[in-house]
C-alpha cells in the first residue's frame, strides 16, 4: 500500500502563490497516475491537475486553474508538487493528492492539506 502525505497548505492573500507537496512512500518514476484534487465546503471533490503515464506522459488541468497552477514531480525525492499562482478566494479548499501505481490497482489518497485564500 502506497502512503501519501500532503503538506504546504496555509492562509495566503489573493494574488499570492503557494506550492503544495505530496510525499509518496514508493518510487514515483513509473507511477501510472499522480493527481491533485480539491474539495471546498459543501462541494464535491474535483480534479485540479494530474500526470498520467501510460504509453506516454499526459498532463491534465481543470479549466479553472489552467495558466495558474502547474503540477510537477521530483523522482529523486518521490514527491509530486502543485505550484499555485495568482490565487483566488475560489481556490480555497482542502487539497488532496491521489496516487495510483498501475491502472489495475486501487488508488491511495493522502489526508489533505487546507489552503485558504483570503485577505
Protein backbone atom coordinates (compact mmCIF):
# COMPACT_ATOMS: atom_id res chain seq x y z
CA UNK A 1 0.00 0.00 0.00
CA UNK A 2 1.42 3.34 -1.09
CA UNK A 3 1.41 6.03 1.61
CA UNK A 4 0.74 9.61 0.59
CA UNK A 5 1.31 12.72 2.71
CA UNK A 6 0.40 16.24 1.59
CA UNK A 7 1.86 19.42 3.03
CA UNK A 8 2.18 23.13 2.33
CA UNK A 9 -1.35 24.39 2.83
CA UNK A 10 -1.60 27.76 4.57
CA UNK A 11 -3.54 31.02 4.62
CA UNK A 12 -2.50 33.21 1.68
CA UNK A 13 -3.71 36.52 0.31
CA UNK A 14 -5.45 36.80 -3.06
CA UNK A 15 -2.91 37.08 -5.84
CA UNK A 16 -0.35 35.15 -3.85
CA UNK A 17 1.48 31.93 -4.62
CA UNK A 18 1.84 28.62 -2.84
CA UNK A 19 3.46 25.27 -3.51
CA UNK A 20 1.93 22.06 -2.20
CA UNK A 21 3.95 18.89 -1.78
CA UNK A 22 2.85 15.26 -1.94
CA UNK A 23 5.38 12.84 -0.49
CA UNK A 24 4.96 9.24 -1.68
CA UNK A 25 6.33 6.20 0.16
CA UNK A 26 7.43 4.42 -3.01
CA UNK A 27 9.16 5.33 -6.23
CA UNK A 28 7.08 7.60 -8.46
CA UNK A 29 9.27 7.08 -11.51
CA UNK A 30 6.79 4.76 -13.21
CA UNK A 31 3.60 5.62 -11.34
CA UNK A 32 0.54 5.40 -13.60
CA UNK A 33 -1.35 8.35 -12.11
CA UNK A 34 -0.43 11.24 -9.85
CA UNK A 35 -3.03 13.89 -9.24
CA UNK A 36 -4.18 16.78 -7.09
CA UNK A 37 -7.83 17.17 -6.18
CA UNK A 38 -9.62 19.74 -4.07
CA UNK A 39 -12.81 19.86 -2.07
CA UNK A 40 -14.46 23.06 -0.94
CA UNK A 41 -17.01 23.07 1.90
CA UNK A 42 -20.30 21.60 0.76
CA UNK A 43 -18.95 20.66 -2.65
CA UNK A 44 -17.69 17.51 -4.35
CA UNK A 45 -14.04 16.66 -4.63
CA UNK A 46 -12.76 17.62 -8.07
CA UNK A 47 -9.63 17.07 -10.09
CA UNK A 48 -7.27 20.04 -10.21
CA UNK A 49 -4.24 18.68 -12.04
CA UNK A 50 -2.77 15.30 -12.92
CA UNK A 51 0.06 13.41 -14.56
CA UNK A 52 -0.80 10.13 -16.27
CA UNK A 53 1.90 7.80 -17.51
CA UNK A 54 0.86 5.08 -19.91
CA UNK A 55 2.47 4.77 -23.33
CA UNK A 56 3.23 8.47 -22.99
CA UNK A 57 3.05 11.12 -20.28
CA UNK A 58 -0.03 13.29 -20.19
CA UNK A 59 -0.86 16.37 -18.16
CA UNK A 60 -4.39 17.47 -17.37
CA UNK A 61 -5.71 20.62 -15.68
CA UNK A 62 -9.12 21.84 -14.62
CA UNK A 63 -10.23 24.79 -16.73
CA UNK A 64 -10.42 26.99 -13.63
CA UNK A 65 -6.69 26.62 -12.91
CA UNK A 66 -5.16 26.49 -16.39
CA UNK A 67 -2.38 29.04 -16.69
CA UNK A 68 -2.19 29.49 -12.92
CA UNK A 69 -1.36 26.05 -11.49
CA UNK A 70 1.40 23.66 -12.51
CA UNK A 71 1.84 20.04 -11.47
CA UNK A 72 5.37 18.66 -11.41
CA UNK A 73 7.39 15.84 -9.96
CA UNK A 74 10.77 15.12 -8.46
CA UNK A 75 11.57 11.45 -8.97
CA UNK A 76 14.63 11.60 -6.73
CA UNK A 77 12.51 12.82 -3.82
CA UNK A 78 9.41 10.74 -4.68
CA UNK A 79 7.41 13.94 -4.43
CA UNK A 80 4.70 15.50 -6.55
CA UNK A 81 4.19 19.26 -6.41
CA UNK A 82 1.39 21.67 -7.19
CA UNK A 83 2.59 25.22 -7.84
CA UNK A 84 -0.30 27.63 -7.45
CA UNK A 85 0.00 31.23 -8.65
CA UNK A 86 -2.46 34.12 -8.82
CA UNK A 87 -4.55 32.52 -6.11
CA UNK A 88 -8.19 33.49 -5.81
CA UNK A 89 -10.65 33.12 -2.92
CA UNK A 90 -12.38 30.45 -5.03
CA UNK A 91 -9.26 28.30 -4.71
CA UNK A 92 -9.97 27.86 -1.00
CA UNK A 93 -10.35 24.15 -0.32
CA UNK A 94 -8.77 21.08 1.16
CA UNK A 95 -6.28 19.78 -1.40
CA UNK A 96 -5.73 16.04 -1.71
CA UNK A 97 -3.10 14.01 -3.51
CA UNK A 98 -4.04 10.79 -5.25
CA UNK A 99 -1.54 8.18 -6.40
CA UNK A 100 -2.15 5.07 -8.46
CA UNK A 101 0.81 2.85 -9.16
CA UNK A 102 -0.77 0.97 -12.09
CA UNK A 103 -4.14 1.14 -13.81
CA UNK A 104 -5.08 -2.23 -12.29
CA UNK A 105 -4.74 -1.36 -8.61
CA UNK A 106 -6.64 0.83 -6.21
CA UNK A 107 -5.61 4.43 -5.64
CA UNK A 108 -4.08 5.84 -2.49
CA UNK A 109 -5.13 9.18 -1.03
CA UNK A 110 -3.49 11.48 1.44
CA UNK A 111 -5.18 13.14 4.38
CA UNK A 112 -5.40 16.53 2.68
CA UNK A 113 -3.97 19.98 3.34
CA UNK A 114 -6.02 23.14 3.83
CA UNK A 115 -5.49 26.09 1.51
CA UNK A 116 -7.28 29.31 2.42
CA UNK A 117 -7.14 32.35 0.14
CA UNK A 118 -8.34 35.42 1.97
CA UNK A 119 -7.37 38.98 2.73
